[in-house]
PDB file of N, CA and C in Angstrom:
ATOM      1  N   MET A   1      -6.244  12.490  19.338  1.00  0.00           N
ATOM      2  CA  MET A   1      -5.855  11.076  18.771  1.00  0.00           C
ATOM      3  C   MET A   1      -6.997  11.010  17.622  1.00  0.00           C
ATOM      4  N   GLY A   2      -6.534  10.264  16.690  1.00  0.00           N
ATOM      5  CA  GLY A   2      -7.313  10.121  15.496  1.00  0.00           C
ATOM      6  C   GLY A   2      -8.341   8.639  15.826  1.00  0.00           C
ATOM      7  N   LYS A   3      -9.309   8.634  14.961  1.00  0.00           N
ATOM      8  CA  LYS A   3     -10.306   7.615  15.255  1.00  0.00           C
ATOM      9  C   LYS A   3      -9.874   6.217  14.653  1.00  0.00           C
ATOM     10  N   TYR A   4      -9.084   6.548  14.174  1.00  0.00           N
ATOM     11  CA  TYR A   4      -8.606   4.936  13.297  1.00  0.00           C
ATOM     12  C   TYR A   4      -7.791   4.295  14.087  1.00  0.00           C
ATOM     13  N   LYS A   5      -7.542   2.738  14.089  1.00  0.00           N
ATOM     14  CA  LYS A   5      -6.803   2.047  14.918  1.00  0.00           C
ATOM     15  C   LYS A   5      -5.304   2.389  14.609  1.00  0.00           C
ATOM     16  N   TYR A   6      -4.814   2.704  13.235  1.00  0.00           N
ATOM     17  CA  TYR A   6      -3.529   2.778  12.988  1.00  0.00           C
ATOM     18  C   TYR A   6      -3.068   4.339  13.152  1.00  0.00           C
ATOM     19  N   ASP A   7      -3.929   5.245  13.579  1.00  0.00           N
ATOM     20  CA  ASP A   7      -3.656   6.612  14.172  1.00  0.00           C
ATOM     21  C   ASP A   7      -2.939   6.303  15.238  1.00  0.00           C
ATOM     22  N   LYS A   8      -2.842   5.208  16.155  1.00  0.00           N
ATOM     23  CA  LYS A   8      -2.039   4.942  17.189  1.00  0.00           C
ATOM     24  C   LYS A   8      -0.449   4.363  17.136  1.00  0.00           C
ATOM     25  N   ILE A   9      -0.321   4.164  15.794  1.00  0.00           N
ATOM     26  CA  ILE A   9       1.090   3.581  15.569  1.00  0.00           C
ATOM     27  C   ILE A   9       2.279   4.529  16.096  1.00  0.00           C
ATOM     28  N   LYS A  10       3.375   3.802  16.266  1.00  0.00           N
ATOM     29  CA  LYS A  10       4.484   4.504  16.947  1.00  0.00           C
ATOM     30  C   LYS A  10       5.553   4.750  15.548  1.00  0.00           C
ATOM     31  N   VAL A  11       6.237   5.894  15.748  1.00  0.00           N
ATOM     32  CA  VAL A  11       7.188   6.132  14.540  1.00  0.00           C
ATOM     33  C   VAL A  11       8.190   5.028  14.472  1.00  0.00           C
ATOM     34  N   GLY A  12       8.529   4.716  13.216  1.00  0.00           N
ATOM     35  CA  GLY A  12       9.149   3.315  12.643  1.00  0.00           C
ATOM     36  C   GLY A  12       8.216   2.146  12.406  1.00  0.00           C
ATOM     37  N   PHE A  13       7.042   2.242  12.475  1.00  0.00           N
ATOM     38  CA  PHE A  13       5.858   1.128  12.140  1.00  0.00           C
ATOM     39  C   PHE A  13       6.312   0.616  10.761  1.00  0.00           C
ATOM     40  N   ASN A  14       6.863   1.223   9.762  1.00  0.00           N
ATOM     41  CA  ASN A  14       7.072   1.116   8.365  1.00  0.00           C
ATOM     42  C   ASN A  14       8.564   0.346   8.373  1.00  0.00           C
ATOM     43  N   ALA A  15       9.233   0.546   9.375  1.00  0.00           N
ATOM     44  CA  ALA A  15      10.557  -0.194   9.206  1.00  0.00           C
ATOM     45  C   ALA A  15      10.599  -1.891   9.472  1.00  0.00           C
ATOM     46  N   THR A  16       9.608  -2.285   9.696  1.00  0.00           N
ATOM     47  CA  THR A  16       9.526  -3.906   9.823  1.00  0.00           C
ATOM     48  C   THR A  16       8.604  -4.425   8.596  1.00  0.00           C
ATOM     49  N   ARG A  17       7.799  -3.441   8.036  1.00  0.00           N
ATOM     50  CA  ARG A  17       6.816  -3.826   7.065  1.00  0.00           C
ATOM     51  C   ARG A  17       7.199  -3.873   5.603  1.00  0.00           C
ATOM     52  N   LYS A  18       7.120  -4.889   4.945  1.00  0.00           N
ATOM     53  CA  LYS A  18       7.583  -4.840   3.442  1.00  0.00           C
ATOM     54  C   LYS A  18       6.518  -5.940   2.820  1.00  0.00           C
ATOM     55  N   ALA A  19       6.449  -5.461   1.671  1.00  0.00           N
ATOM     56  CA  ALA A  19       5.430  -6.228   0.673  1.00  0.00           C
ATOM     57  C   ALA A  19       6.129  -7.833   0.651  1.00  0.00           C
ATOM     58  N   ASP A  20       5.245  -8.832   0.895  1.00  0.00           N
ATOM     59  CA  ASP A  20       5.549 -10.038   0.841  1.00  0.00           C
ATOM     60  C   ASP A  20       5.812 -10.689  -0.793  1.00  0.00           C
ATOM     61  N   PRO A  21       7.025 -11.079  -1.196  1.00  0.00           N
ATOM     62  CA  PRO A  21       6.878 -11.686  -2.506  1.00  0.00           C
ATOM     63  C   PRO A  21       5.891 -12.502  -3.146  1.00  0.00           C
ATOM     64  N   TYR A  22       5.473 -13.502  -1.856  1.00  0.00           N
ATOM     65  CA  TYR A  22       4.714 -14.336  -2.676  1.00  0.00           C
ATOM     66  C   TYR A  22       3.358 -13.651  -2.522  1.00  0.00           C
ATOM     67  N   LEU A  23       2.810 -12.942  -1.719  1.00  0.00           N
ATOM     68  CA  LEU A  23       1.315 -12.345  -1.833  1.00  0.00           C
ATOM     69  C   LEU A  23       1.555 -11.224  -2.804  1.00  0.00           C
ATOM     70  N   MET A  24       2.686 -10.942  -3.225  1.00  0.00           N
ATOM     71  CA  MET A  24       2.687  -9.847  -4.248  1.00  0.00           C
ATOM     72  C   MET A  24       2.307 -10.534  -5.668  1.00  0.00           C
ATOM     73  N   GLU A  25       2.982 -11.852  -5.911  1.00  0.00           N
ATOM     74  CA  GLU A  25       2.505 -12.472  -7.184  1.00  0.00           C
ATOM     75  C   GLU A  25       1.189 -12.873  -7.198  1.00  0.00           C
ATOM     76  N   VAL A  26       0.784 -13.337  -6.062  1.00  0.00           N
ATOM     77  CA  VAL A  26      -0.659 -13.917  -6.051  1.00  0.00           C
ATOM     78  C   VAL A  26      -1.607 -12.591  -6.360  1.00  0.00           C
ATOM     79  N   LEU A  27      -1.388 -11.471  -5.671  1.00  0.00           N
ATOM     80  CA  LEU A  27      -2.116 -10.291  -6.006  1.00  0.00           C
ATOM     81  C   LEU A  27      -2.021 -10.118  -7.546  1.00  0.00           C
ATOM     82  N   PHE A  28      -0.767  -9.875  -7.733  1.00  0.00           N
ATOM     83  CA  PHE A  28      -0.427  -9.187  -9.213  1.00  0.00           C
ATOM     84  C   PHE A  28      -1.319 -10.134 -10.211  1.00  0.00           C
ATOM     85  N   ASN A  29      -1.189 -11.625 -10.314  1.00  0.00           N
ATOM     86  CA  ASN A  29      -1.821 -12.504 -11.105  1.00  0.00           C
ATOM     87  C   ASN A  29      -3.504 -12.486 -11.035  1.00  0.00           C
ATOM     88  N   PHE A  30      -3.909 -12.011  -9.609  1.00  0.00           N
ATOM     89  CA  PHE A  30      -5.358 -12.025  -9.412  1.00  0.00           C
ATOM     90  C   PHE A  30      -5.868 -10.728  -9.894  1.00  0.00           C
ATOM     91  N   LEU A  31      -5.216  -9.719  -9.968  1.00  0.00           N
ATOM     92  CA  LEU A  31      -5.603  -8.607 -10.394  1.00  0.00           C
ATOM     93  C   LEU A  31      -5.793  -8.799 -12.098  1.00  0.00           C
ATOM     94  N   ALA A  32      -4.880  -9.196 -12.598  1.00  0.00           N
ATOM     95  CA  ALA A  32      -4.780  -9.319 -14.086  1.00  0.00           C
ATOM     96  C   ALA A  32      -4.684  -8.052 -14.811  1.00  0.00           C
ATOM     97  N   SER A  33      -3.702  -7.181 -14.129  1.00  0.00           N
ATOM     98  CA  SER A  33      -3.669  -5.602 -14.451  1.00  0.00           C
ATOM     99  C   SER A  33      -3.090  -5.344 -15.817  1.00  0.00           C
ATOM    100  N   LYS A  34      -3.416  -4.445 -16.328  1.00  0.00           N
ATOM    101  CA  LYS A  34      -3.121  -3.972 -17.671  1.00  0.00           C
ATOM    102  C   LYS A  34      -2.282  -2.632 -17.603  1.00  0.00           C
ATOM    103  N   LYS A  35      -1.233  -2.491 -18.173  1.00  0.00           N
ATOM    104  CA  LYS A  35      -0.517  -1.668 -18.341  1.00  0.00           C
ATOM    105  C   LYS A  35      -1.024   0.064 -18.421  1.00  0.00           C
ATOM    106  N   ASP A  36      -2.005  -0.119 -19.285  1.00  0.00           N
ATOM    107  CA  ASP A  36      -2.718   1.156 -19.497  1.00  0.00           C
ATOM    108  C   ASP A  36      -3.604   1.563 -18.418  1.00  0.00           C
ATOM    109  N   GLY A  37      -4.017   0.538 -17.573  1.00  0.00           N
ATOM    110  CA  GLY A  37      -4.987   0.945 -16.527  1.00  0.00           C
ATOM    111  C   GLY A  37      -4.523   2.048 -15.463  1.00  0.00           C
ATOM    112  N   PHE A  38      -5.528   2.408 -14.426  1.00  0.00           N
ATOM    113  CA  PHE A  38      -5.146   2.885 -13.239  1.00  0.00           C
ATOM    114  C   PHE A  38      -5.763   2.691 -12.142  1.00  0.00           C
ATOM    115  N   TYR A  39      -4.863   2.054 -11.289  1.00  0.00           N
ATOM    116  CA  TYR A  39      -5.455   1.245 -10.115  1.00  0.00           C
ATOM    117  C   TYR A  39      -5.560   2.105  -8.784  1.00  0.00           C
ATOM    118  N   LEU A  40      -6.359   2.006  -7.727  1.00  0.00           N
ATOM    119  CA  LEU A  40      -6.453   2.722  -6.659  1.00  0.00           C
ATOM    120  C   LEU A  40      -6.482   1.621  -5.581  1.00  0.00           C
ATOM    121  N   ASP A  41      -5.527   1.757  -4.490  1.00  0.00           N
ATOM    122  CA  ASP A  41      -5.035   1.088  -3.508  1.00  0.00           C
ATOM    123  C   ASP A  41      -5.985   1.405  -2.245  1.00  0.00           C
ATOM    124  N   ILE A  42      -7.143   1.008  -1.873  1.00  0.00           N
ATOM    125  CA  ILE A  42      -8.067   1.563  -0.831  1.00  0.00           C
ATOM    126  C   ILE A  42      -7.408   1.074   0.286  1.00  0.00           C
ATOM    127  N   GLY A  43      -6.995   1.730   1.337  1.00  0.00           N
ATOM    128  CA  GLY A  43      -6.473   1.218   2.867  1.00  0.00           C
ATOM    129  C   GLY A  43      -5.287   0.675   2.462  1.00  0.00           C
ATOM    130  N   CYS A  44      -4.637   1.718   2.001  1.00  0.00           N
ATOM    131  CA  CYS A  44      -3.024   1.340   1.460  1.00  0.00           C
ATOM    132  C   CYS A  44      -1.957   1.188   2.603  1.00  0.00           C
ATOM    133  N   GLY A  45      -2.623   1.820   3.967  1.00  0.00           N
ATOM    134  CA  GLY A  45      -1.533   1.885   4.965  1.00  0.00           C
ATOM    135  C   GLY A  45      -0.292   2.632   4.619  1.00  0.00           C
ATOM    136  N   THR A  46       0.949   1.998   4.712  1.00  0.00           N
ATOM    137  CA  THR A  46       2.170   2.812   4.693  1.00  0.00           C
ATOM    138  C   THR A  46       2.718   2.521   3.231  1.00  0.00           C
ATOM    139  N   VAL A  47       1.845   2.156   2.246  1.00  0.00           N
ATOM    140  CA  VAL A  47       2.038   2.117   0.697  1.00  0.00           C
ATOM    141  C   VAL A  47       2.954   0.701   0.363  1.00  0.00           C
ATOM    142  N   ASN A  48       3.472  -0.111   1.108  1.00  0.00           N
ATOM    143  CA  ASN A  48       4.547  -1.095   0.495  1.00  0.00           C
ATOM    144  C   ASN A  48       3.708  -1.784  -0.677  1.00  0.00           C
ATOM    145  N   TYR A  49       2.410  -2.396  -0.579  1.00  0.00           N
ATOM    146  CA  TYR A  49       2.048  -2.978  -1.795  1.00  0.00           C
ATOM    147  C   TYR A  49       1.941  -2.100  -3.112  1.00  0.00           C
ATOM    148  N   THR A  50       1.372  -0.847  -2.579  1.00  0.00           N
ATOM    149  CA  THR A  50       1.180   0.237  -3.499  1.00  0.00           C
ATOM    150  C   THR A  50       2.411   0.392  -4.565  1.00  0.00           C
ATOM    151  N   ILE A  51       3.695   0.484  -3.821  1.00  0.00           N
ATOM    152  CA  ILE A  51       4.816   0.859  -4.475  1.00  0.00           C
ATOM    153  C   ILE A  51       5.343  -0.181  -5.132  1.00  0.00           C
ATOM    154  N   SER A  52       5.214  -1.417  -4.387  1.00  0.00           N
ATOM    155  CA  SER A  52       5.491  -2.781  -5.220  1.00  0.00           C
ATOM    156  C   SER A  52       5.089  -2.831  -6.536  1.00  0.00           C
ATOM    157  N   LEU A  53       3.623  -2.713  -6.481  1.00  0.00           N
ATOM    158  CA  LEU A  53       2.886  -2.979  -7.830  1.00  0.00           C
ATOM    159  C   LEU A  53       3.380  -1.798  -8.873  1.00  0.00           C
ATOM    160  N   ALA A  54       3.437  -0.596  -8.307  1.00  0.00           N
ATOM    161  CA  ALA A  54       3.921   0.601  -9.292  1.00  0.00           C
ATOM    162  C   ALA A  54       5.291   0.358  -9.807  1.00  0.00           C
ATOM    163  N   LYS A  55       6.069  -0.438  -9.228  1.00  0.00           N
ATOM    164  CA  LYS A  55       7.446  -0.565  -9.590  1.00  0.00           C
ATOM    165  C   LYS A  55       7.300  -1.379 -10.851  1.00  0.00           C
ATOM    166  N   ARG A  56       6.361  -2.110 -11.284  1.00  0.00           N
ATOM    167  CA  ARG A  56       6.228  -3.132 -12.340  1.00  0.00           C
ATOM    168  C   ARG A  56       5.868  -2.635 -13.285  1.00  0.00           C
ATOM    169  N   GLY A  57       5.676  -1.082 -13.451  1.00  0.00           N
ATOM    170  CA  GLY A  57       5.238  -0.551 -14.336  1.00  0.00           C
ATOM    171  C   GLY A  57       3.904   0.030 -14.572  1.00  0.00           C
ATOM    172  N   TYR A  58       3.012  -0.297 -13.601  1.00  0.00           N
ATOM    173  CA  TYR A  58       1.621  -0.041 -13.436  1.00  0.00           C
ATOM    174  C   TYR A  58       1.104   1.348 -12.404  1.00  0.00           C
ATOM    175  N   ASN A  59       0.131   1.863 -13.012  1.00  0.00           N
ATOM    176  CA  ASN A  59      -0.152   3.144 -12.476  1.00  0.00           C
ATOM    177  C   ASN A  59      -1.137   2.815 -11.156  1.00  0.00           C
ATOM    178  N   PHE A  60      -0.566   2.827 -10.092  1.00  0.00           N
ATOM    179  CA  PHE A  60      -1.000   2.586  -8.886  1.00  0.00           C
ATOM    180  C   PHE A  60      -1.157   3.842  -7.891  1.00  0.00           C
ATOM    181  N   VAL A  61      -2.132   4.008  -7.286  1.00  0.00           N
ATOM    182  CA  VAL A  61      -2.104   5.230  -6.247  1.00  0.00           C
ATOM    183  C   VAL A  61      -2.838   4.667  -4.980  1.00  0.00           C
ATOM    184  N   GLY A  62      -2.274   4.944  -3.852  1.00  0.00           N
ATOM    185  CA  GLY A  62      -2.826   4.546  -2.585  1.00  0.00           C
ATOM    186  C   GLY A  62      -3.479   5.738  -1.826  1.00  0.00           C
ATOM    187  N   MET A  63      -4.647   5.070  -1.049  1.00  0.00           N
ATOM    188  CA  MET A  63      -5.319   6.012  -0.100  1.00  0.00           C
ATOM    189  C   MET A  63      -5.548   5.222   0.950  1.00  0.00           C
ATOM    190  N   ASP A  64      -5.507   6.076   2.249  1.00  0.00           N
ATOM    191  CA  ASP A  64      -5.851   5.621   3.658  1.00  0.00           C
ATOM    192  C   ASP A  64      -6.790   6.538   4.324  1.00  0.00           C
ATOM    193  N   PRO A  65      -7.285   6.222   5.314  1.00  0.00           N
ATOM    194  CA  PRO A  65      -8.124   6.857   5.964  1.00  0.00           C
ATOM    195  C   PRO A  65      -7.316   7.555   6.971  1.00  0.00           C
ATOM    196  N   SER A  66      -6.189   6.792   7.770  1.00  0.00           N
ATOM    197  CA  SER A  66      -5.311   7.117   8.551  1.00  0.00           C
ATOM    198  C   SER A  66      -4.335   8.283   8.173  1.00  0.00           C
ATOM    199  N   GLN A  67      -4.192   9.379   8.439  1.00  0.00           N
ATOM    200  CA  GLN A  67      -3.193  10.204   8.178  1.00  0.00           C
ATOM    201  C   GLN A  67      -1.991  10.186   8.614  1.00  0.00           C
ATOM    202  N   LYS A  68      -1.932   9.552   9.917  1.00  0.00           N
ATOM    203  CA  LYS A  68      -0.765   8.990  10.524  1.00  0.00           C
ATOM    204  C   LYS A  68      -0.003   7.975   9.613  1.00  0.00           C
ATOM    205  N   MET A  69      -0.753   6.901   8.861  1.00  0.00           N
ATOM    206  CA  MET A  69      -0.232   5.855   8.142  1.00  0.00           C
ATOM    207  C   MET A  69       0.340   6.707   6.829  1.00  0.00           C
ATOM    208  N   LEU A  70      -0.120   7.583   6.414  1.00  0.00           N
ATOM    209  CA  LEU A  70       0.178   8.167   4.989  1.00  0.00           C
ATOM    210  C   LEU A  70       1.504   8.986   5.492  1.00  0.00           C
ATOM    211  N   MET A  71       1.281   9.694   6.725  1.00  0.00           N
ATOM    212  CA  MET A  71       2.811  10.330   7.067  1.00  0.00           C
ATOM    213  C   MET A  71       3.911   9.312   7.313  1.00  0.00           C
ATOM    214  N   GLU A  72       3.595   8.115   7.603  1.00  0.00           N
ATOM    215  CA  GLU A  72       4.452   7.373   7.809  1.00  0.00           C
ATOM    216  C   GLU A  72       5.260   6.711   6.527  1.00  0.00           C
ATOM    217  N   ALA A  73       4.209   6.848   5.544  1.00  0.00           N
ATOM    218  CA  ALA A  73       4.473   6.320   4.257  1.00  0.00           C
ATOM    219  C   ALA A  73       5.623   7.298   3.677  1.00  0.00           C
TER     220      ALA A  73
END
């Protein structure tokens, strides 16, 4: 068993997790991202926000200490 809390997740964890549209707008505006930038989402979990930000045409990559979260992603 992993040492991270999210290593205890069950299969299907991501089925009910989606990036919240309001939080996406706030986060996106807060970041003031530039299209030629490269951004790292530390603690990305199942990459819902990482993917949503990347879909806007920006270079985002995610990393997480939980291998199980990344496998669920």
